[in-house]
């Protein structure tokens, strides 16, 4: 396997938006597309459509699983050209699981899992690489429901990853103590987890600009829209294919593009954070 061969990787690619993103990249990306998920039924489905994805097992809640993927990419390709962080979970509205457990479980995957992936894989991103963190418009809606103090912190241009991790851990702790509303948090674990994804994207983009300025790597968060998936439900306004449009647009930004970078994108447009 030549290390000069380009490679794109999609997490949570077994169904829904992740599957649609992987399919589009198989059609449009010049190089190999690696689907990652816990199981590989999706690969057979794409092969049946005449596409040729590769598969690698990944559980983003498991650091060893992430590191095995990192080692594979380094060995087979000498790095990574496109990373789409799409894996995520959401509890149904009617779910009776206690709120503090929902908070812990949702943030473990959506926020901490995404951070672990980025910690291990961002150093592998090659010059002119593209990183897309799939967030949600819920992050913006939830931000507006936070206390002014929290809003100020989450909008800060100087917040660090450690400070953000501290805030996300505080949310989980506050839910356990039953004081999250008193402490200025809204009543949505999914929304808070996606605030974390959008803000960490802003932080990571800033770091890339400081540490790898000449490499022209572009990293953004995006909202795919409300999509008919297991998570979005049957009444959502978009098909998975339509939901994949903005993430794929960001993954395939032209090599000479200088922006967007460190932005939150919806419908291919920059949204004010």
Protein backbone atom coordinates (compact mmCIF):
# COMPACT_ATOMS: atom_id res chain seq x y z
CA UNK A 1 0.00 0.00 0.00
CA UNK A 2 1.59 3.25 -1.11
CA UNK A 3 1.68 6.01 1.48
CA UNK A 4 1.12 8.59 -1.28
CA UNK A 5 -2.38 7.20 -1.91
CA UNK A 6 -5.00 9.57 -0.54
CA UNK A 7 -7.44 8.36 2.11
CA UNK A 8 -10.69 9.63 3.62
CA UNK A 9 -12.23 8.24 6.79
CA UNK A 10 -15.81 8.44 8.08
CA UNK A 11 -16.80 7.47 11.63
CA UNK A 12 -20.28 6.10 12.39
CA UNK A 13 -20.58 5.14 8.71
CA UNK A 14 -22.77 2.07 9.15
CA UNK A 15 -26.15 3.85 8.70
CA UNK A 16 -27.95 7.15 8.33
CA UNK A 17 -25.96 10.30 7.56
CA UNK A 18 -22.57 8.61 8.01
CA UNK A 19 -23.49 5.95 5.45
CA UNK A 20 -24.66 8.62 2.98
CA UNK A 21 -21.43 10.62 3.51
CA UNK A 22 -19.33 7.48 2.92
CA UNK A 23 -21.28 6.68 -0.26
CA UNK A 24 -20.78 10.22 -1.63
CA UNK A 25 -17.07 10.11 -0.84
CA UNK A 26 -16.75 6.71 -2.57
CA UNK A 27 -18.21 8.39 -5.67
CA UNK A 28 -16.35 11.71 -5.51
CA UNK A 29 -13.10 11.40 -3.52
CA UNK A 30 -9.89 10.54 -5.41
CA UNK A 31 -8.41 7.83 -3.21
CA UNK A 32 -9.53 5.21 -0.69
CA UNK A 33 -12.55 5.69 1.56
CA UNK A 34 -12.43 3.89 4.89
CA UNK A 35 -15.76 3.26 6.60
CA UNK A 36 -15.49 2.82 10.32
CA UNK A 37 -18.14 1.43 12.63
CA UNK A 38 -18.62 -1.44 15.04
CA UNK A 39 -19.74 -3.81 12.26
CA UNK A 40 -19.35 -3.94 8.49
CA UNK A 41 -22.77 -4.64 6.88
CA UNK A 42 -22.62 -1.19 5.24
CA UNK A 43 -19.54 -2.16 3.23
CA UNK A 44 -21.40 -5.03 1.54
CA UNK A 45 -24.28 -2.69 0.70
CA UNK A 46 -21.92 -0.19 -1.00
CA UNK A 47 -20.08 -2.99 -2.81
CA UNK A 48 -23.44 -4.14 -4.16
CA UNK A 49 -23.78 -0.61 -5.62
CA UNK A 50 -20.45 -1.05 -7.42
CA UNK A 51 -18.41 1.04 -4.97
CA UNK A 52 -15.16 -0.03 -3.28
CA UNK A 53 -14.93 1.18 0.32
CA UNK A 54 -12.46 -0.22 2.82
CA UNK A 55 -13.53 -1.09 6.35
CA UNK A 56 -11.89 -0.71 9.74
CA UNK A 57 -13.52 -1.54 13.06
CA UNK A 58 -13.98 1.44 15.38
CA UNK A 59 -15.73 2.03 18.68
CA UNK A 60 -15.16 5.70 19.53
CA UNK A 61 -15.84 4.97 23.21
CA UNK A 62 -12.77 2.70 23.28
CA UNK A 63 -9.33 4.33 23.20
CA UNK A 64 -7.62 1.07 22.19
CA UNK A 65 -9.96 0.80 19.21
CA UNK A 66 -9.11 4.40 18.18
CA UNK A 67 -5.37 3.74 18.53
CA UNK A 68 -5.60 0.55 16.43
CA UNK A 69 -7.23 2.65 13.69
CA UNK A 70 -4.51 5.31 14.05
CA UNK A 71 -1.78 2.67 13.66
CA UNK A 72 -3.52 1.21 10.59
CA UNK A 73 -3.72 4.64 8.89
CA UNK A 74 -0.10 5.43 9.66
CA UNK A 75 1.05 2.04 8.38
CA UNK A 76 -1.12 1.85 5.25
CA UNK A 77 -1.19 5.50 4.17
CA UNK A 78 1.38 7.42 6.20
CA UNK A 79 -1.42 9.66 7.45
CA UNK A 80 -4.94 10.84 6.63
CA UNK A 81 -6.32 13.34 4.09
CA UNK A 82 -9.97 13.64 5.10
CA UNK A 83 -11.55 12.92 8.50
CA UNK A 84 -15.32 13.10 8.98
CA UNK A 85 -16.29 12.70 12.64
CA UNK A 86 -19.91 11.66 12.36
CA UNK A 87 -20.37 8.98 15.06
CA UNK A 88 -22.89 10.05 17.68
CA UNK A 89 -25.91 9.03 19.73
CA UNK A 90 -29.12 10.56 21.04
CA UNK A 91 -31.72 9.34 23.51
CA UNK A 92 -35.33 9.47 22.28
CA UNK A 93 -37.49 12.19 23.85
CA UNK A 94 -39.71 9.55 25.48
CA UNK A 95 -36.76 7.62 26.96
CA UNK A 96 -37.17 7.17 30.72
CA UNK A 97 -33.45 6.71 31.47
CA UNK A 98 -32.58 9.12 34.33
CA UNK A 99 -31.37 12.48 33.02
CA UNK A 100 -27.94 12.29 34.67
CA UNK A 101 -27.27 8.90 33.04
CA UNK A 102 -28.39 10.27 29.67
CA UNK A 103 -25.96 13.17 30.23
CA UNK A 104 -23.03 10.89 31.03
CA UNK A 105 -23.68 8.44 28.17
CA UNK A 106 -24.40 11.11 25.53
CA UNK A 107 -21.33 13.21 26.37
CA UNK A 108 -19.10 10.12 26.58
CA UNK A 109 -19.73 9.35 22.90
CA UNK A 110 -20.63 12.66 21.25
CA UNK A 111 -18.08 14.87 22.99
CA UNK A 112 -15.37 12.81 24.69
CA UNK A 113 -15.30 10.15 21.93
CA UNK A 114 -14.91 12.88 19.29
CA UNK A 115 -12.12 14.51 21.32
CA UNK A 116 -10.29 11.18 21.64
CA UNK A 117 -10.52 10.62 17.87
CA UNK A 118 -9.13 14.11 17.23
CA UNK A 119 -6.32 13.71 19.77
CA UNK A 120 -5.16 10.52 18.04
CA UNK A 121 -5.91 11.33 14.38
CA UNK A 122 -5.38 15.09 13.92
CA UNK A 123 -1.56 14.67 14.11
CA UNK A 124 -1.92 12.32 11.09
CA UNK A 125 -3.72 14.88 8.90
CA UNK A 126 -1.63 15.65 5.82
CA UNK A 127 -1.11 19.14 4.36
CA UNK A 128 -4.29 20.44 2.66
CA UNK A 129 -6.25 17.91 4.71
CA UNK A 130 -9.91 18.43 5.61
CA UNK A 131 -11.58 17.71 8.96
CA UNK A 132 -15.35 17.81 9.43
CA UNK A 133 -16.95 17.45 12.85
CA UNK A 134 -20.65 16.71 12.44
CA UNK A 135 -22.44 18.82 15.04
CA UNK A 136 -26.03 20.05 14.95
CA UNK A 137 -28.14 23.21 14.79
CA UNK A 138 -29.15 22.00 18.27
CA UNK A 139 -25.76 23.25 19.44
CA UNK A 140 -26.68 26.82 18.47
CA UNK A 141 -30.23 26.53 19.82
CA UNK A 142 -28.94 25.05 23.07
CA UNK A 143 -26.23 27.71 23.39
CA UNK A 144 -28.92 30.40 23.35
CA UNK A 145 -30.70 28.65 26.25
CA UNK A 146 -27.56 28.63 28.44
CA UNK A 147 -26.97 31.30 31.10
CA UNK A 148 -25.19 34.48 29.87
CA UNK A 149 -22.07 33.34 31.78
CA UNK A 150 -21.97 29.98 30.00
CA UNK A 151 -22.72 31.60 26.63
CA UNK A 152 -19.78 33.95 27.11
CA UNK A 153 -17.46 31.03 27.89
CA UNK A 154 -18.64 28.94 24.92
CA UNK A 155 -18.30 31.91 22.54
CA UNK A 156 -14.84 32.88 23.81
CA UNK A 157 -12.08 33.09 21.19
CA UNK A 158 -9.52 32.04 23.82
CA UNK A 159 -11.22 29.11 25.59
CA UNK A 160 -8.87 26.11 25.78
CA UNK A 161 -9.67 22.44 25.27
CA UNK A 162 -8.99 21.81 28.98
CA UNK A 163 -11.45 24.55 29.97
CA UNK A 164 -14.07 23.14 27.61
CA UNK A 165 -13.57 19.61 28.99
CA UNK A 166 -13.98 21.09 32.47
CA UNK A 167 -17.30 22.67 31.51
CA UNK A 168 -18.61 19.45 29.92
CA UNK A 169 -17.62 17.47 33.03
CA UNK A 170 -19.33 20.11 35.19
CA UNK A 171 -22.56 19.66 33.23
CA UNK A 172 -22.52 15.91 33.94
CA UNK A 173 -21.72 16.52 37.63
CA UNK A 174 -24.45 19.18 37.90
CA UNK A 175 -27.02 16.74 36.45
CA UNK A 176 -25.99 14.12 39.03
CA UNK A 177 -26.54 16.65 41.83
CA UNK A 178 -29.81 17.79 40.23
CA UNK A 179 -28.61 21.41 40.02
CA UNK A 180 -27.92 21.77 36.29
CA UNK A 181 -30.77 24.24 35.68
CA UNK A 182 -29.76 26.33 38.68
CA UNK A 183 -26.21 26.36 37.28
CA UNK A 184 -27.42 27.81 33.96
CA UNK A 185 -27.62 24.63 31.84
CA UNK A 186 -30.60 23.81 29.57
CA UNK A 187 -32.50 20.53 29.71
CA UNK A 188 -30.92 18.75 26.74
CA UNK A 189 -27.99 16.36 26.97
CA UNK A 190 -27.75 16.04 23.18
CA UNK A 191 -27.71 19.83 22.73
CA UNK A 192 -24.97 20.30 25.33
CA UNK A 193 -22.88 17.50 23.78
CA UNK A 194 -23.11 19.27 20.41
CA UNK A 195 -22.14 22.64 21.93
CA UNK A 196 -19.01 20.74 22.96
CA UNK A 197 -18.44 19.47 19.40
CA UNK A 198 -18.86 22.94 17.84
CA UNK A 199 -16.64 24.67 20.41
CA UNK A 200 -13.89 22.03 20.27
CA UNK A 201 -13.88 22.49 16.47
CA UNK A 202 -13.24 26.21 16.93
CA UNK A 203 -10.42 25.43 19.37
CA UNK A 204 -8.83 22.78 17.12
CA UNK A 205 -8.96 25.06 14.07
CA UNK A 206 -7.25 27.81 16.07
CA UNK A 207 -4.52 25.35 17.12
CA UNK A 208 -3.99 24.20 13.54
CA UNK A 209 -3.65 27.83 12.39
CA UNK A 210 -1.03 28.45 15.10
CA UNK A 211 0.94 25.20 14.89
CA UNK A 212 0.64 24.18 11.22
CA UNK A 213 0.01 27.47 9.48
CA UNK A 214 1.60 26.53 6.14
CA UNK A 215 -0.25 23.22 5.84
CA UNK A 216 -3.57 24.74 4.68
CA UNK A 217 -5.64 22.25 6.69
CA UNK A 218 -9.30 23.29 7.00
CA UNK A 219 -11.34 22.09 10.00
CA UNK A 220 -15.01 22.93 10.52
CA UNK A 221 -18.11 21.86 12.42
CA UNK A 222 -21.39 21.51 10.57
CA UNK A 223 -25.07 20.79 10.88
CA UNK A 224 -26.42 18.22 8.40
CA UNK A 225 -30.00 19.37 9.06
CA UNK A 226 -32.95 17.41 10.42
CA UNK A 227 -32.58 14.05 8.72
CA UNK A 228 -34.80 10.97 8.48
CA UNK A 229 -32.65 8.47 10.36
CA UNK A 230 -33.08 6.28 13.44
CA UNK A 231 -31.95 9.33 15.40
CA UNK A 232 -33.89 12.04 13.52
CA UNK A 233 -37.10 10.06 13.25
CA UNK A 234 -39.53 9.57 10.33
CA UNK A 235 -40.92 13.14 10.27
CA UNK A 236 -37.61 14.88 9.57
CA UNK A 237 -37.38 17.17 6.55
CA UNK A 238 -34.29 15.73 4.82
CA UNK A 239 -33.20 12.40 3.39
CA UNK A 240 -29.81 11.04 4.53
CA UNK A 241 -28.46 11.95 1.06
CA UNK A 242 -29.52 15.58 1.56
CA UNK A 243 -28.06 15.51 5.08
CA UNK A 244 -24.70 14.41 3.66
CA UNK A 245 -24.43 17.45 1.34
CA UNK A 246 -22.84 19.96 3.72
CA UNK A 247 -20.41 17.49 5.40
CA UNK A 248 -19.28 16.24 1.96
CA UNK A 249 -18.91 19.81 0.65
CA UNK A 250 -16.58 20.57 3.59
CA UNK A 251 -14.68 17.28 3.16
CA UNK A 252 -14.02 18.06 -0.52
CA UNK A 253 -13.18 21.79 -0.31
CA UNK A 254 -10.77 22.58 -3.19
CA UNK A 255 -7.06 22.23 -2.42
CA UNK A 256 -6.42 25.96 -2.82
CA UNK A 257 -9.33 26.95 -0.52
CA UNK A 258 -8.40 29.08 2.50
CA UNK A 259 -11.83 29.08 4.12
CA UNK A 260 -14.11 28.21 5.79
CA UNK A 261 -11.93 27.26 8.77
CA UNK A 262 -12.99 27.04 12.42
CA UNK A 263 -16.58 27.81 11.47
CA UNK A 264 -20.00 26.30 12.11
CA UNK A 265 -21.61 25.56 8.74
CA UNK A 266 -25.22 24.81 7.86
CA UNK A 267 -26.62 24.51 4.30
CA UNK A 268 -23.04 25.22 3.08
CA UNK A 269 -23.16 28.67 4.76
CA UNK A 270 -21.24 30.01 7.77
CA UNK A 271 -23.51 30.47 10.81
CA UNK A 272 -22.86 33.10 13.46
CA UNK A 273 -21.85 31.27 16.68
